[in-house]
Amino acid sequence: MLRLVLVAFLVAFLLAFLLALTGAALVGAWLVATQRVSIPERWNPFAPLNVQAPPGPLTSWKLWRATRAPQACRAALNTSHLTYAPVADQATPEGCALHDALRVERLDEARVSSRFLATCPLALGLAMYDRHYLQPAARAVYGEDVRQILHVGSYACRNVARAAQGLLSQHAFANAIDIEGFVLTDGTRITVARDWASDTRAGAFVKLAHDGACSVFNAVLGPDYDALHRAHFHLDMGAYRLCN
């Protein structure tokens, strides 16, 4: 009997402790959310994403949240130095569509080989990728910046893998881009097709560029995925997570 009483007491104590802890957490969250208590932006889950800020423990969460709401996405994008122009919504009979899209003219530190269409989430991902992963990788391997990103297109009204039937590709919504290489400030040209499998500085940089993309984009497909991607990286902000 005494043992049962002790067990009941411990269970009641633990429940009371957990309820108190949950209540304190909720009160703390409310105080931070209503700005009655100020904490560093790095640790504030309610602070919007700032592309210029160094990545922190909540950056992935803030990026995910920003890509779920058009106004939040544009606000985050405007903290970058990405240059863009809005594009009118449009749709095709095949189901392809541009919604809340924009035309990217250049990124913060890198030009692009040609202007391209992108959803706001894709553009925001590219801004984050350029600043926090691509440029640091180039500086680590070469001591140079990436001057230009070489791509082979974003928007294309087609199915996955260009199949005659099946699901529409993320390209059909301008939510994906294919990157084939990079040009450094000293003119060095690095391509996925030539350098992916090479045991060189270029090969090391291309792999870092690929791995960095996996920290930002929902899907990253490269030469190890299949033959269709042997010469480029496919980057998209679709619903499925995949890094290969």
Protein backbone atom coordinates (compact mmCIF):
# COMPACT_ATOMS: atom_id res chain seq x y z
CA MET A 1 0.00 0.00 0.00
CA LEU A 2 2.80 2.42 0.94
CA ARG A 3 4.50 1.72 -2.40
CA LEU A 4 1.29 2.61 -4.28
CA VAL A 5 0.98 5.84 -2.35
CA LEU A 6 4.57 6.77 -3.16
CA VAL A 7 4.08 5.98 -6.84
CA ALA A 8 0.88 8.04 -6.93
CA PHE A 9 2.68 10.92 -5.21
CA LEU A 10 5.57 10.81 -7.70
CA VAL A 11 3.21 10.70 -10.68
CA ALA A 12 1.23 13.65 -9.32
CA PHE A 13 4.44 15.57 -8.66
CA LEU A 14 5.76 14.93 -12.16
CA LEU A 15 2.47 15.95 -13.75
CA ALA A 16 2.39 19.16 -11.71
CA PHE A 17 6.01 19.88 -12.66
CA LEU A 18 5.34 19.31 -16.37
CA LEU A 19 2.25 21.51 -16.28
CA ALA A 20 4.19 24.27 -14.55
CA LEU A 21 7.03 23.94 -17.06
CA THR A 22 4.60 24.05 -20.00
CA GLY A 23 2.85 27.07 -18.52
CA ALA A 24 6.15 28.88 -18.03
CA ALA A 25 7.16 28.09 -21.61
CA LEU A 26 3.85 29.40 -22.96
CA VAL A 27 4.12 32.57 -20.92
CA GLY A 28 7.70 33.06 -22.08
CA ALA A 29 6.71 32.55 -25.71
CA TRP A 30 3.87 35.05 -25.33
CA LEU A 31 6.18 37.64 -23.79
CA VAL A 32 8.67 37.24 -26.66
CA ALA A 33 5.98 37.18 -29.38
CA THR A 34 4.40 40.38 -28.07
CA GLN A 35 7.85 41.99 -27.69
CA ARG A 36 7.38 42.53 -23.96
CA VAL A 37 10.67 40.69 -23.54
CA SER A 38 13.53 41.21 -25.96
CA ILE A 39 15.95 38.44 -26.88
CA PRO A 40 18.65 38.32 -29.58
CA GLU A 41 17.23 37.84 -33.07
CA ARG A 42 19.33 34.69 -33.47
CA TRP A 43 17.34 33.01 -30.69
CA ASN A 44 13.96 34.57 -31.38
CA PRO A 45 11.66 32.12 -33.23
CA PHE A 46 9.19 34.95 -33.95
CA ALA A 47 11.72 37.24 -35.63
CA PRO A 48 11.44 37.24 -39.43
CA LEU A 49 14.19 35.81 -41.60
CA ASN A 50 17.00 38.23 -42.38
CA VAL A 51 19.09 37.01 -45.29
CA GLN A 52 22.04 39.15 -44.18
CA ALA A 53 22.16 37.63 -40.68
CA PRO A 54 24.58 34.74 -40.03
CA PRO A 55 22.81 31.35 -39.95
CA GLY A 56 21.73 30.24 -36.50
CA PRO A 57 19.84 27.38 -34.87
CA LEU A 58 16.48 28.80 -36.01
CA THR A 59 17.40 29.79 -39.57
CA SER A 60 15.90 26.69 -41.20
CA TRP A 61 12.66 27.24 -39.31
CA LYS A 62 12.54 30.92 -40.31
CA LEU A 63 13.22 30.05 -43.96
CA TRP A 64 10.48 27.41 -43.91
CA ARG A 65 8.03 29.88 -42.35
CA ALA A 66 8.91 32.63 -44.85
CA THR A 67 8.29 30.35 -47.82
CA ARG A 68 4.75 29.61 -46.60
CA ALA A 69 3.37 33.15 -46.90
CA PRO A 70 3.84 35.51 -49.88
CA GLN A 71 4.15 38.67 -47.79
CA ALA A 72 6.65 37.09 -45.40
CA CYS A 73 8.64 35.76 -48.35
CA ARG A 74 8.87 39.15 -50.04
CA ALA A 75 9.80 40.80 -46.75
CA ALA A 76 12.62 38.29 -46.24
CA LEU A 77 13.72 38.62 -49.87
CA ASN A 78 13.96 42.38 -49.43
CA THR A 79 16.58 41.87 -46.71
CA SER A 80 18.86 40.44 -49.39
CA HIS A 81 20.52 42.35 -52.21
CA LEU A 82 18.86 40.21 -54.86
CA THR A 83 17.61 42.29 -57.81
CA TYR A 84 14.24 41.28 -59.25
CA ALA A 85 11.08 42.48 -60.99
CA PRO A 86 7.52 41.24 -60.30
CA VAL A 87 5.79 39.08 -62.92
CA ALA A 88 2.05 38.87 -63.56
CA ASP A 89 0.29 35.63 -62.66
CA GLN A 90 -0.42 33.34 -65.60
CA ALA A 91 -1.44 29.76 -66.35
CA THR A 92 -1.46 27.35 -69.29
CA PRO A 93 -4.07 24.76 -70.36
CA GLU A 94 -1.60 22.03 -69.35
CA GLY A 95 -1.74 23.15 -65.71
CA CYS A 96 1.57 25.02 -65.60
CA ALA A 97 1.36 28.31 -63.75
CA LEU A 98 3.22 31.34 -62.49
CA HIS A 99 1.85 32.63 -59.19
CA ASP A 100 3.44 35.37 -57.13
CA ALA A 101 6.50 34.96 -59.34
CA LEU A 102 9.33 37.31 -60.14
CA ARG A 103 12.15 37.70 -62.65
CA VAL A 104 15.56 37.43 -61.02
CA GLU A 105 18.16 39.75 -62.55
CA ARG A 106 21.09 39.11 -60.21
CA LEU A 107 21.87 37.78 -56.75
CA ASP A 108 23.67 39.59 -53.95
CA GLU A 109 27.27 38.81 -54.80
CA ALA A 110 26.92 36.89 -58.07
CA ARG A 111 25.47 37.68 -61.45
CA VAL A 112 23.41 35.08 -63.29
CA SER A 113 24.10 33.97 -66.85
CA SER A 114 20.64 35.20 -67.86
CA ARG A 115 17.56 36.51 -66.11
CA PHE A 116 15.09 33.83 -65.06
CA LEU A 117 11.62 33.36 -63.59
CA ALA A 118 11.28 32.12 -60.02
CA THR A 119 8.76 31.74 -57.27
CA CYS A 120 9.53 33.88 -54.25
CA PRO A 121 10.56 30.78 -52.23
CA LEU A 122 13.03 29.75 -54.94
CA ALA A 123 14.48 33.25 -55.17
CA LEU A 124 14.76 33.42 -51.39
CA GLY A 125 16.51 30.05 -51.34
CA LEU A 126 18.99 31.25 -53.95
CA ALA A 127 19.68 34.42 -51.96
CA MET A 128 20.40 32.35 -48.85
CA TYR A 129 22.47 29.86 -50.83
CA ASP A 130 24.60 32.52 -52.51
CA ARG A 131 25.41 34.39 -49.31
CA HIS A 132 25.84 31.64 -46.75
CA TYR A 133 27.01 28.57 -48.68
CA LEU A 134 28.20 29.21 -52.23
CA GLN A 135 30.45 32.22 -51.61
CA PRO A 136 31.99 30.76 -48.41
CA ALA A 137 32.73 27.53 -50.31
CA ALA A 138 34.51 29.44 -53.09
CA ARG A 139 36.54 31.44 -50.59
CA ALA A 140 37.49 28.31 -48.66
CA VAL A 141 38.71 26.43 -51.73
CA TYR A 142 39.97 29.20 -54.02
CA GLY A 143 40.19 32.36 -51.95
CA GLU A 144 37.91 33.88 -54.60
CA ASP A 145 34.25 34.85 -54.87
CA VAL A 146 31.77 33.43 -57.36
CA ARG A 147 31.23 36.17 -59.94
CA GLN A 148 28.59 34.41 -62.01
CA ILE A 149 26.22 31.46 -61.69
CA LEU A 150 25.67 29.55 -64.92
CA HIS A 151 22.19 28.09 -65.28
CA VAL A 152 20.18 26.39 -68.00
CA GLY A 153 16.73 27.61 -67.06
CA SER A 154 14.01 27.62 -64.46
CA TYR A 155 10.50 27.80 -65.91
CA ALA A 156 9.52 25.08 -68.37
CA CYS A 157 6.00 23.70 -68.83
CA ARG A 158 6.78 19.99 -68.65
CA ASN A 159 6.43 16.83 -66.61
CA VAL A 160 9.04 15.34 -64.27
CA ALA A 161 12.00 13.98 -66.27
CA ARG A 162 10.33 15.33 -69.43
CA ALA A 163 8.04 12.29 -69.46
CA ALA A 164 5.07 12.24 -71.82
CA GLN A 165 2.77 11.58 -68.89
CA GLY A 166 2.95 11.97 -65.13
CA LEU A 167 3.39 14.69 -62.54
CA LEU A 168 4.25 18.22 -63.53
CA SER A 169 7.83 19.19 -62.71
CA GLN A 170 8.61 21.98 -60.25
CA HIS A 171 9.96 23.71 -63.36
CA ALA A 172 6.34 23.99 -64.52
CA PHE A 173 5.80 26.51 -61.71
CA ALA A 174 9.20 28.27 -61.86
CA ASN A 175 9.93 26.63 -58.52
CA ALA A 176 13.15 24.96 -59.71
CA ILE A 177 16.37 25.94 -61.44
CA ASP A 178 19.14 23.91 -63.09
CA ILE A 179 22.68 25.13 -62.40
CA GLU A 180 25.50 23.88 -64.60
CA GLY A 181 28.48 25.82 -63.33
CA PHE A 182 30.16 28.85 -61.81
CA VAL A 183 32.66 31.54 -62.81
CA LEU A 184 35.02 32.96 -60.19
CA THR A 185 36.22 36.56 -59.98
CA ASP A 186 39.54 35.62 -61.58
CA GLY A 187 37.72 34.08 -64.56
CA THR A 188 38.08 30.43 -63.50
CA ARG A 189 35.18 28.46 -64.96
CA ILE A 190 33.89 25.44 -63.04
CA THR A 191 31.24 23.10 -64.44
CA VAL A 192 29.30 20.22 -62.95
CA ALA A 193 29.75 18.08 -66.08
CA ARG A 194 33.56 18.34 -66.15
CA ASP A 195 34.50 18.75 -62.50
CA TRP A 196 32.06 16.67 -60.43
CA ALA A 197 34.14 13.50 -60.58
CA SER A 198 37.57 15.16 -60.69
CA ASP A 199 40.07 14.99 -57.83
CA THR A 200 40.88 18.70 -58.09
CA ARG A 201 40.07 21.97 -56.37
CA ALA A 202 37.24 22.38 -58.85
CA GLY A 203 35.86 18.99 -57.88
CA ALA A 204 36.08 19.83 -54.18
CA PHE A 205 34.31 23.14 -54.73
CA VAL A 206 31.51 21.60 -56.81
CA LYS A 207 30.82 19.07 -54.07
CA LEU A 208 30.76 21.80 -51.42
CA ALA A 209 28.37 23.78 -53.62
CA HIS A 210 26.12 20.72 -53.88
CA ASP A 211 26.18 19.98 -50.14
CA GLY A 212 25.51 23.62 -49.28
CA ALA A 213 22.46 23.60 -51.53
CA CYS A 214 21.06 20.71 -49.49
CA SER A 215 21.03 23.00 -46.46
CA VAL A 216 18.66 25.41 -48.21
CA PHE A 217 16.59 23.78 -50.96
CA ASN A 218 14.02 21.05 -50.46
CA ALA A 219 15.30 18.97 -53.38
CA VAL A 220 18.84 18.89 -54.75
CA LEU A 221 19.60 16.45 -57.57
CA GLY A 222 23.08 16.09 -59.04
CA PRO A 223 25.18 13.68 -61.11
CA ASP A 224 24.87 10.91 -58.53
CA TYR A 225 21.09 10.93 -58.86
CA ASP A 226 20.72 9.85 -62.50
CA ALA A 227 22.02 10.42 -66.01
CA LEU A 228 19.58 13.27 -66.63
CA HIS A 229 21.43 15.32 -64.00
CA ARG A 230 25.00 14.43 -64.92
CA ALA A 231 25.72 17.98 -66.11
CA HIS A 232 23.80 20.15 -63.66
CA PHE A 233 22.30 20.55 -60.20
CA HIS A 234 18.52 20.64 -60.01
CA LEU A 235 17.44 22.84 -57.10
CA ASP A 236 13.80 23.24 -56.09
CA MET A 237 11.56 24.33 -53.25
CA GLY A 238 8.88 21.68 -53.78
CA ALA A 239 7.11 19.60 -51.17
CA TYR A 240 9.56 16.69 -51.10
CA ARG A 241 12.95 16.57 -49.37
CA LEU A 242 15.76 14.92 -51.29
CA CYS A 243 19.52 15.48 -51.42
CA ASN A 244 21.40 13.36 -53.95
